[in-house]
Amino acid sequence: MDLEYNSEREHLIIPEYGRHIQKLVNHCLKLEDSEERNVMARAIVQVMGNMQPHLRDVPDFQHKLWDQLFIMSDYQLDVDTPYPKPERELLQAKPTGLPYPKSASQYRFYGNNIQIMIDTALTWEDGEMKDALVYTIANHMKKCYLNWNKDTVDDEVIFSHLDELSEGKLKLKDKEPLSESKDLVRKKSGKSGSYQKGSQKQGKKSFRKR
């Protein structure tokens, strides 16, 4: 008795349907009578549908089965189909490559939103509104820097980074001083401190009730 190993068998184009369905498709390809091929093709599609009953209510389910039948025949099956025959070039076409996301140069601690805000400010007309926006951007950059560095930072450093990220197109008039570092940090720590105090009070109350 000769043993047949999977490594020596024909490659399965769609393994989900198993080797018996692939053999039926191969046999259908060899039929010379067109009527017999049509009858067998419809029978194969029916069997393929019975193997996936959970997809019966999916739109275009039959269309998908017929497409898979032609794919398993290597697009060589000549039968009448209720749907357009799939094209090899269309199904095997490679997708268009996606560009890498842009980051804020080497200053990643500012995040991409800062660069978006800078690009938006560049589209605004000169005036008080634009000056206020640029000042807000610089102030937010200082806060992001402090979140990353956890230390103080000189305003000149923020002005220099803003100048670099905007390619020298955004500058603060008279370089108005930004918010104090302690104020930016205090706002964040103050909320957490109040939360901790509230949680401690609530814990004491629940402990007393017990």
Protein backbone atom coordinates (compact mmCIF):
# COMPACT_ATOMS: atom_id res chain seq x y z
CA MET A 1 0.00 0.00 0.00
CA ASP A 2 1.42 3.36 -1.10
CA LEU A 3 1.22 6.13 1.45
CA GLU A 4 0.40 9.67 0.34
CA TYR A 5 2.02 12.43 2.34
CA ASN A 6 0.69 16.00 2.48
CA SER A 7 4.09 17.35 1.43
CA GLU A 8 3.76 15.40 -1.84
CA ARG A 9 0.16 16.41 -2.53
CA GLU A 10 -1.07 19.25 -4.70
CA HIS A 11 -1.01 22.70 -3.11
CA LEU A 12 -4.44 23.81 -1.88
CA ILE A 13 -5.39 27.23 -3.24
CA ILE A 14 -8.10 27.76 -0.60
CA PRO A 15 -7.32 25.35 2.27
CA GLU A 16 -10.55 26.17 4.12
CA TYR A 17 -12.55 23.94 1.76
CA GLY A 18 -10.26 20.96 2.07
CA ARG A 19 -8.69 18.63 -0.46
CA HIS A 20 -11.91 16.91 -1.58
CA ILE A 21 -13.43 20.14 -2.88
CA GLN A 22 -10.20 20.90 -4.74
CA LYS A 23 -10.32 17.45 -6.34
CA LEU A 24 -13.93 18.05 -7.43
CA VAL A 25 -12.87 21.33 -9.05
CA ASN A 26 -9.99 19.60 -10.83
CA HIS A 27 -12.37 16.91 -12.08
CA CYS A 28 -14.82 19.56 -13.30
CA LEU A 29 -12.02 21.14 -15.33
CA LYS A 30 -11.45 17.86 -17.17
CA LEU A 31 -15.07 17.43 -18.27
CA GLU A 32 -15.38 18.03 -21.99
CA ASP A 33 -19.16 18.45 -22.12
CA SER A 34 -20.15 22.04 -21.21
CA GLU A 35 -23.52 20.96 -19.78
CA GLU A 36 -21.87 18.47 -17.45
CA ARG A 37 -19.40 21.14 -16.34
CA ASN A 38 -22.22 23.57 -15.56
CA VAL A 39 -24.15 20.98 -13.56
CA MET A 40 -21.07 19.96 -11.58
CA ALA A 41 -20.01 23.58 -11.00
CA ARG A 42 -23.40 24.42 -9.50
CA ALA A 43 -23.20 21.30 -7.33
CA ILE A 44 -19.73 22.26 -6.08
CA VAL A 45 -20.94 25.77 -5.21
CA GLN A 46 -23.87 24.26 -3.29
CA VAL A 47 -21.53 22.01 -1.30
CA MET A 48 -19.22 24.96 -0.58
CA GLY A 49 -22.21 26.90 0.74
CA ASN A 50 -23.27 24.02 2.99
CA MET A 51 -19.79 24.04 4.53
CA GLN A 52 -20.31 27.65 5.67
CA PRO A 53 -23.98 27.90 6.79
CA HIS A 54 -23.21 30.88 9.07
CA LEU A 55 -22.57 32.99 5.97
CA ARG A 56 -25.85 32.31 4.22
CA ASP A 57 -27.31 35.66 5.31
CA VAL A 58 -24.24 37.64 4.27
CA PRO A 59 -24.90 39.87 1.22
CA ASP A 60 -23.37 38.57 -2.03
CA PHE A 61 -22.57 35.24 -0.40
CA GLN A 62 -23.29 33.32 -3.60
CA HIS A 63 -21.14 35.77 -5.55
CA LYS A 64 -18.27 35.07 -3.20
CA LEU A 65 -18.67 31.30 -3.62
CA TRP A 66 -18.55 31.53 -7.41
CA ASP A 67 -15.47 33.73 -7.22
CA GLN A 68 -13.77 31.19 -4.97
CA LEU A 69 -14.69 28.40 -7.38
CA PHE A 70 -12.90 30.19 -10.23
CA ILE A 71 -9.94 30.95 -8.00
CA MET A 72 -9.56 27.26 -7.08
CA SER A 73 -9.64 26.39 -10.78
CA ASP A 74 -6.79 28.85 -11.38
CA TYR A 75 -9.24 30.98 -13.42
CA GLN A 76 -9.44 28.25 -16.08
CA LEU A 77 -12.97 26.93 -15.47
CA ASP A 78 -15.27 27.54 -18.46
CA VAL A 79 -18.84 27.47 -17.12
CA ASP A 80 -21.88 29.71 -17.12
CA THR A 81 -21.96 31.90 -14.04
CA PRO A 82 -24.65 34.30 -12.75
CA TYR A 83 -21.91 36.78 -11.83
CA PRO A 84 -18.98 38.36 -13.69
CA LYS A 85 -15.91 36.16 -13.69
CA PRO A 86 -13.12 37.42 -11.41
CA GLU A 87 -9.96 38.73 -13.02
CA ARG A 88 -6.60 37.42 -11.87
CA GLU A 89 -4.86 40.78 -12.32
CA LEU A 90 -7.50 42.57 -10.26
CA LEU A 91 -7.52 40.13 -7.33
CA GLN A 92 -3.75 39.75 -7.20
CA ALA A 93 -2.99 43.45 -7.54
CA LYS A 94 -0.79 44.80 -4.76
CA PRO A 95 -2.27 47.56 -2.60
CA THR A 96 -0.85 51.05 -2.75
CA GLY A 97 1.78 51.63 -0.09
CA LEU A 98 0.93 53.91 2.81
CA PRO A 99 3.29 56.76 3.64
CA TYR A 100 4.96 56.83 7.02
CA PRO A 101 3.32 59.27 9.47
CA LYS A 102 5.15 62.53 9.88
CA SER A 103 6.56 63.37 13.28
CA ALA A 104 7.61 66.70 14.73
CA SER A 105 11.26 66.32 13.65
CA GLN A 106 13.51 65.34 16.55
CA TYR A 107 11.25 67.00 19.15
CA ARG A 108 8.87 64.10 19.55
CA PHE A 109 7.89 65.14 23.04
CA TYR A 110 5.80 67.93 21.48
CA GLY A 111 3.68 65.41 19.57
CA ASN A 112 2.14 65.69 16.12
CA ASN A 113 -0.64 68.02 17.26
CA ILE A 114 1.84 70.84 17.80
CA GLN A 115 3.02 70.57 14.20
CA ILE A 116 -0.59 70.60 13.02
CA MET A 117 -1.26 73.74 15.08
CA ILE A 118 1.84 75.40 13.64
CA ASP A 119 0.81 74.54 10.08
CA THR A 120 -2.64 75.97 10.80
CA ALA A 121 -1.18 79.19 12.20
CA LEU A 122 0.87 79.63 9.04
CA THR A 123 -2.35 79.85 7.01
CA TRP A 124 -3.79 82.69 9.12
CA GLU A 125 -3.45 86.32 8.21
CA ASP A 126 -1.24 88.52 10.36
CA GLY A 127 -3.05 90.22 13.21
CA GLU A 128 -4.03 89.93 16.84
CA MET A 129 -5.79 86.59 16.35
CA LYS A 130 -2.69 85.04 14.82
CA ASP A 131 -0.45 86.51 17.54
CA ALA A 132 -2.72 85.04 20.21
CA LEU A 133 -2.63 81.65 18.50
CA VAL A 134 1.16 81.67 18.24
CA TYR A 135 1.43 82.58 21.93
CA THR A 136 -0.96 79.73 22.83
CA ILE A 137 1.10 77.30 20.75
CA ALA A 138 4.33 78.39 22.46
CA ASN A 139 2.72 78.08 25.88
CA HIS A 140 1.48 74.57 25.07
CA MET A 141 4.94 73.64 23.79
CA LYS A 142 6.37 74.70 27.14
CA LYS A 143 3.85 72.53 28.97
CA CYS A 144 4.69 69.53 26.76
CA TYR A 145 8.38 70.13 27.37
CA LEU A 146 7.84 70.16 31.12
CA ASN A 147 5.82 66.94 30.98
CA TRP A 148 8.77 65.34 29.22
CA ASN A 149 11.63 66.93 31.14
CA LYS A 150 9.98 67.35 34.57
CA ASP A 151 12.19 70.39 35.15
CA THR A 152 12.32 74.07 34.30
CA VAL A 153 12.88 75.33 30.77
CA ASP A 154 13.92 78.75 29.55
CA ASP A 155 11.49 80.54 27.26
CA GLU A 156 14.28 81.10 24.74
CA VAL A 157 14.45 77.34 24.19
CA ILE A 158 10.74 77.25 23.32
CA PHE A 159 11.12 80.25 21.02
CA SER A 160 14.02 78.54 19.27
CA HIS A 161 12.05 75.30 18.78
CA LEU A 162 9.02 77.22 17.50
CA ASP A 163 11.23 79.03 15.02
CA GLU A 164 12.68 75.74 13.82
CA LEU A 165 9.39 73.85 13.54
CA SER A 166 7.80 76.73 11.60
CA GLU A 167 10.89 77.15 9.39
CA GLY A 168 11.38 80.67 10.70
CA LYS A 169 7.89 81.85 9.76
CA LEU A 170 6.37 82.16 13.24
CA LYS A 171 7.78 84.50 15.82
CA LEU A 172 6.33 86.04 18.96
CA LYS A 173 6.20 89.82 18.89
CA ASP A 174 8.37 91.30 21.63
CA LYS A 175 8.72 87.71 22.90
CA GLU A 176 6.10 88.03 25.60
CA PRO A 177 7.04 85.88 28.62
CA LEU A 178 5.28 82.53 28.71
CA SER A 179 3.50 81.07 31.73
CA GLU A 180 5.66 80.17 34.70
CA SER A 181 6.83 76.58 34.85
CA LYS A 182 5.51 76.18 38.39
CA ASP A 183 2.05 77.30 37.26
CA LEU A 184 1.95 74.77 34.41
CA VAL A 185 3.04 71.95 36.69
CA ARG A 186 0.84 73.10 39.59
CA LYS A 187 -2.33 72.78 37.53
CA LYS A 188 -1.66 69.14 36.89
CA SER A 189 -0.46 68.21 40.37
CA GLY A 190 -3.21 70.26 42.04
CA LYS A 191 -5.94 68.11 40.50
CA SER A 192 -4.28 64.88 41.53
CA GLY A 193 -3.70 66.26 45.04
CA SER A 194 -7.33 67.21 45.48
CA TYR A 195 -8.34 63.81 44.24
CA GLN A 196 -6.08 62.08 46.71
CA LYS A 197 -7.43 64.14 49.60
CA GLY A 198 -10.99 63.41 48.58
CA SER A 199 -10.29 59.71 48.30
CA GLN A 200 -8.68 59.70 51.75
CA LYS A 201 -11.72 61.40 53.33
CA GLN A 202 -14.05 58.98 51.62
CA GLY A 203 -11.93 56.07 52.86
CA LYS A 204 -12.08 57.31 56.45
CA LYS A 205 -15.86 57.64 56.30
CA SER A 206 -16.32 54.14 54.94
CA PHE A 207 -13.95 52.79 57.60
CA ARG A 208 -15.95 54.47 60.41
CA LYS A 209 -19.21 53.02 59.15
CA ARG A 210 -17.76 49.57 59.44
